[in-house]
C-alpha atoms as a PDB file:
ATOM      1  CA  MET A   1     -16.428  -1.739 -15.937  1.00  0.00           C
ATOM      2  CA  ALA A   2     -18.301   0.117 -13.215  1.00  0.00           C
ATOM      3  CA  LYS A   3     -18.329  -3.007 -11.046  1.00  0.00           C
ATOM      4  CA  ILE A   4     -14.538  -3.142 -11.166  1.00  0.00           C
ATOM      5  CA  PHE A   5     -14.246   0.461  -9.989  1.00  0.00           C
ATOM      6  CA  ILE A   6     -16.681  -0.190  -7.164  1.00  0.00           C
ATOM      7  CA  PHE A   7     -14.744  -3.315  -6.159  1.00  0.00           C
ATOM      8  CA  ILE A   8     -11.426  -1.444  -6.197  1.00  0.00           C
ATOM      9  CA  GLY A   9     -12.983   1.388  -4.170  1.00  0.00           C
ATOM     10  CA  VAL A  10     -14.253  -1.051  -1.547  1.00  0.00           C
ATOM     11  CA  ILE A  11     -10.798  -2.632  -1.333  1.00  0.00           C
ATOM     12  CA  PHE A  12      -9.228   0.811  -0.798  1.00  0.00           C
ATOM     13  CA  ILE A  13     -11.757   1.619   1.922  1.00  0.00           C
ATOM     14  CA  ILE A  14     -10.991  -1.654   3.708  1.00  0.00           C
ATOM     15  CA  ILE A  15      -7.242  -1.044   3.473  1.00  0.00           C
ATOM     16  CA  GLY A  16      -7.704   2.516   4.737  1.00  0.00           C
ATOM     17  CA  LEU A  17      -9.755   1.355   7.708  1.00  0.00           C
ATOM     18  CA  LEU A  18      -7.178  -1.317   8.560  1.00  0.00           C
ATOM     19  CA  LEU A  19      -4.383   1.250   8.459  1.00  0.00           C
ATOM     20  CA  TYR A  20      -6.440   3.672  10.563  1.00  0.00           C
ATOM     21  CA  PHE A  21      -7.314   1.201  13.307  1.00  0.00           C
ATOM     22  CA  PHE A  22      -3.994  -0.683  13.322  1.00  0.00           C
ATOM     23  CA  LYS A  23      -1.512   2.199  13.370  1.00  0.00           C
ATOM     24  CA  ASP A  24       1.417  -0.078  14.198  1.00  0.00           C
ATOM     25  CA  PHE A  25       0.843  -1.992  10.971  1.00  0.00           C
ATOM     26  CA  PRO A  26       4.258  -3.496  10.079  1.00  0.00           C
ATOM     27  CA  LEU A  27       3.987  -2.684   6.354  1.00  0.00           C
ATOM     28  CA  PHE A  28       5.570   0.754   6.655  1.00  0.00           C
ATOM     29  CA  HIS A  29       8.337  -0.326   9.040  1.00  0.00           C
ATOM     30  CA  LEU A  30      10.262  -2.687   6.787  1.00  0.00           C
ATOM     31  CA  PRO A  31      14.056  -2.941   6.628  1.00  0.00           C
ATOM     32  CA  GLY A  32      15.208  -0.641   3.852  1.00  0.00           C
ATOM     33  CA  ASP A  33      12.775   2.162   4.691  1.00  0.00           C
ATOM     34  CA  ILE A  34      14.732   5.337   5.330  1.00  0.00           C
ATOM     35  CA  VAL A  35      14.126   7.051   8.692  1.00  0.00           C
ATOM     36  CA  ILE A  36      16.064  10.108   9.816  1.00  0.00           C
ATOM     37  CA  LYS A  37      15.254  11.405  13.305  1.00  0.00           C
ATOM     38  CA  LYS A  38      16.664  14.682  14.562  1.00  0.00           C
ATOM     39  CA  GLU A  39      15.684  16.872  17.511  1.00  0.00           C
ATOM     40  CA  ASN A  40      12.718  18.642  15.918  1.00  0.00           C
ATOM     41  CA  PHE A  41      12.547  16.762  12.647  1.00  0.00           C
ATOM     42  CA  VAL A  42      11.587  13.314  11.387  1.00  0.00           C
ATOM     43  CA  PHE A  43      12.039  12.292   7.749  1.00  0.00           C
ATOM     44  CA  TYR A  44      10.534   8.996   6.638  1.00  0.00           C
ATOM     45  CA  PHE A  45      10.881   7.585   3.127  1.00  0.00           C
ATOM     46  CA  PRO A  46       9.277   4.126   2.735  1.00  0.00           C
ATOM     47  CA  ILE A  47      11.259   2.933  -0.287  1.00  0.00           C
ATOM     48  CA  THR A  48      10.984  -0.804   0.489  1.00  0.00           C
ATOM     49  CA  SER A  49       7.290  -0.535   1.321  1.00  0.00           C
ATOM     50  CA  SER A  50       6.680   1.369  -1.922  1.00  0.00           C
ATOM     51  CA  ILE A  51       8.416  -1.313  -3.977  1.00  0.00           C
ATOM     52  CA  LEU A  52       6.432  -4.055  -2.239  1.00  0.00           C
ATOM     53  CA  ILE A  53       3.117  -2.265  -2.813  1.00  0.00           C
ATOM     54  CA  SER A  54       4.046  -1.680  -6.469  1.00  0.00           C
ATOM     55  CA  VAL A  55       4.806  -5.365  -7.038  1.00  0.00           C
ATOM     56  CA  VAL A  56       1.575  -6.486  -5.343  1.00  0.00           C
ATOM     57  CA  LEU A  57      -0.578  -4.002  -7.273  1.00  0.00           C
ATOM     58  CA  SER A  58       1.117  -4.932 -10.560  1.00  0.00           C
ATOM     59  CA  ALA A  59       0.362  -8.600  -9.919  1.00  0.00           C
ATOM     60  CA  ILE A  60      -3.268  -7.830  -9.040  1.00  0.00           C
ATOM     61  CA  PHE A  61      -3.810  -5.727 -12.155  1.00  0.00           C
ATOM     62  CA  TYR A  62      -2.091  -8.369 -14.306  1.00  0.00           C
ATOM     63  CA  ILE A  63      -4.426 -11.047 -12.962  1.00  0.00           C
ATOM     64  CA  ILE A  64      -7.472  -8.804 -13.461  1.00  0.00           C
ATOM     65  CA  SER A  65      -6.439  -8.044 -17.051  1.00  0.00           C
ATOM     66  CA  LYS A  66      -6.030 -11.762 -17.816  1.00  0.00           C
ATOM     67  CA  ILE A  67      -9.452 -12.530 -16.306  1.00  0.00           C
ATOM     68  CA  MET A  68     -11.171  -9.741 -18.279  1.00  0.00           C
ATOM     69  CA  GLN A  69      -9.937 -11.024 -21.673  1.00  0.00           C
END
């Protein structure tokens, strides 16, 4: 079980580094993401990106659970 947590942590670190170094990463600029820009205000709600991440993570955890049985 500890190996799984370490593996997941390493994956999160890699994803974090990719997002840090590639700031124009197209994941959070998908059609369907809500962006409201005013003079002194920017509101950004990544609804499409959140759904995509949720589906991918659900698939990953489903595959991991089937492998662990």
